[in-house]
Amino acid sequence: MAQLLQNFYLFIPYLFVALLMLAAAIGVWLIAQLKKNSSYQNFSIGDRLFMKRNASRLRKVQIH
């Protein structure tokens, strides 16, 4: 029984580091999902290309 507990205590640091790395990876993934521009998700690819093409024209209109 004592040998089993000693072996268990040897693996705890590795398990803890693995859990920390997993949590960090999930955090990075969540941040990447939140950084995605959610306003563009409602538009089709054609609509997005149209808006991108006309963005400079719209900026000129707003300036003048």
C-alpha atoms as a PDB file:
ATOM      1  CA  MET A   1       0.000   0.000   0.000  1.00  0.00           C
ATOM      2  CA  ALA A   2       2.836   2.394   0.858  1.00  0.00           C
ATOM      3  CA  GLN A   3       4.517   1.628  -2.467  1.00  0.00           C
ATOM      4  CA  LEU A   4       1.297   2.441  -4.293  1.00  0.00           C
ATOM      5  CA  LEU A   5       1.027   5.802  -2.520  1.00  0.00           C
ATOM      6  CA  GLN A   6       4.657   6.597  -3.326  1.00  0.00           C
ATOM      7  CA  ASN A   7       4.065   5.870  -7.008  1.00  0.00           C
ATOM      8  CA  PHE A   8       0.925   7.990  -6.944  1.00  0.00           C
ATOM      9  CA  TYR A   9       2.819  10.943  -5.457  1.00  0.00           C
ATOM     10  CA  LEU A  10       5.434  10.625  -8.206  1.00  0.00           C
ATOM     11  CA  PHE A  11       2.801  11.072 -10.925  1.00  0.00           C
ATOM     12  CA  ILE A  12       0.913  13.993  -9.342  1.00  0.00           C
ATOM     13  CA  PRO A  13       3.287  16.743 -10.591  1.00  0.00           C
ATOM     14  CA  TYR A  14       3.110  15.412 -14.155  1.00  0.00           C
ATOM     15  CA  LEU A  15      -0.659  15.192 -13.992  1.00  0.00           C
ATOM     16  CA  PHE A  16      -0.846  18.730 -12.615  1.00  0.00           C
ATOM     17  CA  VAL A  17       1.371  20.105 -15.408  1.00  0.00           C
ATOM     18  CA  ALA A  18      -0.708  18.274 -18.017  1.00  0.00           C
ATOM     19  CA  LEU A  19      -3.903  19.760 -16.602  1.00  0.00           C
ATOM     20  CA  LEU A  20      -2.375  23.252 -16.597  1.00  0.00           C
ATOM     21  CA  MET A  21      -1.309  22.868 -20.216  1.00  0.00           C
ATOM     22  CA  LEU A  22      -4.778  21.648 -21.159  1.00  0.00           C
ATOM     23  CA  ALA A  23      -6.378  24.605 -19.384  1.00  0.00           C
ATOM     24  CA  ALA A  24      -4.013  27.008 -21.162  1.00  0.00           C
ATOM     25  CA  ALA A  25      -4.830  25.462 -24.542  1.00  0.00           C
ATOM     26  CA  ILE A  26      -8.567  25.723 -23.869  1.00  0.00           C
ATOM     27  CA  GLY A  27      -8.086  29.349 -22.790  1.00  0.00           C
ATOM     28  CA  VAL A  28      -6.218  30.198 -25.995  1.00  0.00           C
ATOM     29  CA  TRP A  29      -8.928  28.508 -28.045  1.00  0.00           C
ATOM     30  CA  LEU A  30     -11.672  30.438 -26.223  1.00  0.00           C
ATOM     31  CA  ILE A  31      -9.864  33.748 -26.724  1.00  0.00           C
ATOM     32  CA  ALA A  32      -9.468  32.962 -30.418  1.00  0.00           C
ATOM     33  CA  GLN A  33     -13.193  32.232 -30.666  1.00  0.00           C
ATOM     34  CA  LEU A  34     -14.060  35.500 -28.932  1.00  0.00           C
ATOM     35  CA  LYS A  35     -11.677  37.502 -31.128  1.00  0.00           C
ATOM     36  CA  LYS A  36     -13.470  36.363 -34.269  1.00  0.00           C
ATOM     37  CA  ASN A  37     -15.547  39.178 -35.660  1.00  0.00           C
ATOM     38  CA  SER A  38     -19.036  37.994 -34.800  1.00  0.00           C
ATOM     39  CA  SER A  39     -20.717  40.652 -36.954  1.00  0.00           C
ATOM     40  CA  TYR A  40     -19.447  38.945 -40.110  1.00  0.00           C
ATOM     41  CA  GLN A  41     -20.844  35.539 -39.218  1.00  0.00           C
ATOM     42  CA  ASN A  42     -24.339  36.528 -40.332  1.00  0.00           C
ATOM     43  CA  PHE A  43     -23.227  37.393 -43.880  1.00  0.00           C
ATOM     44  CA  SER A  44     -22.482  35.071 -46.770  1.00  0.00           C
ATOM     45  CA  ILE A  45     -19.086  35.019 -48.456  1.00  0.00           C
ATOM     46  CA  GLY A  46     -20.428  37.023 -51.386  1.00  0.00           C
ATOM     47  CA  ASP A  47     -21.780  39.716 -49.077  1.00  0.00           C
ATOM     48  CA  ARG A  48     -18.457  39.912 -47.222  1.00  0.00           C
ATOM     49  CA  LEU A  49     -16.539  40.295 -50.482  1.00  0.00           C
ATOM     50  CA  PHE A  50     -18.970  43.013 -51.604  1.00  0.00           C
ATOM     51  CA  MET A  51     -18.480  44.934 -48.352  1.00  0.00           C
ATOM     52  CA  LYS A  52     -14.711  44.550 -48.569  1.00  0.00           C
ATOM     53  CA  ARG A  53     -14.693  45.780 -52.172  1.00  0.00           C
ATOM     54  CA  ASN A  54     -16.760  48.836 -51.349  1.00  0.00           C
ATOM     55  CA  ALA A  55     -15.161  49.701 -48.006  1.00  0.00           C
ATOM     56  CA  SER A  56     -12.732  52.238 -49.488  1.00  0.00           C
ATOM     57  CA  ARG A  57     -15.560  53.915 -51.418  1.00  0.00           C
ATOM     58  CA  LEU A  58     -17.642  54.178 -48.261  1.00  0.00           C
ATOM     59  CA  ARG A  59     -14.709  55.683 -46.366  1.00  0.00           C
ATOM     60  CA  LYS A  60     -14.302  58.358 -49.031  1.00  0.00           C
ATOM     61  CA  VAL A  61     -17.986  59.181 -48.781  1.00  0.00           C
ATOM     62  CA  GLN A  62     -17.755  59.539 -45.005  1.00  0.00           C
ATOM     63  CA  ILE A  63     -14.697  61.797 -45.221  1.00  0.00           C
ATOM     64  CA  HIS A  64     -16.307  64.236 -47.673  1.00  0.00           C
END
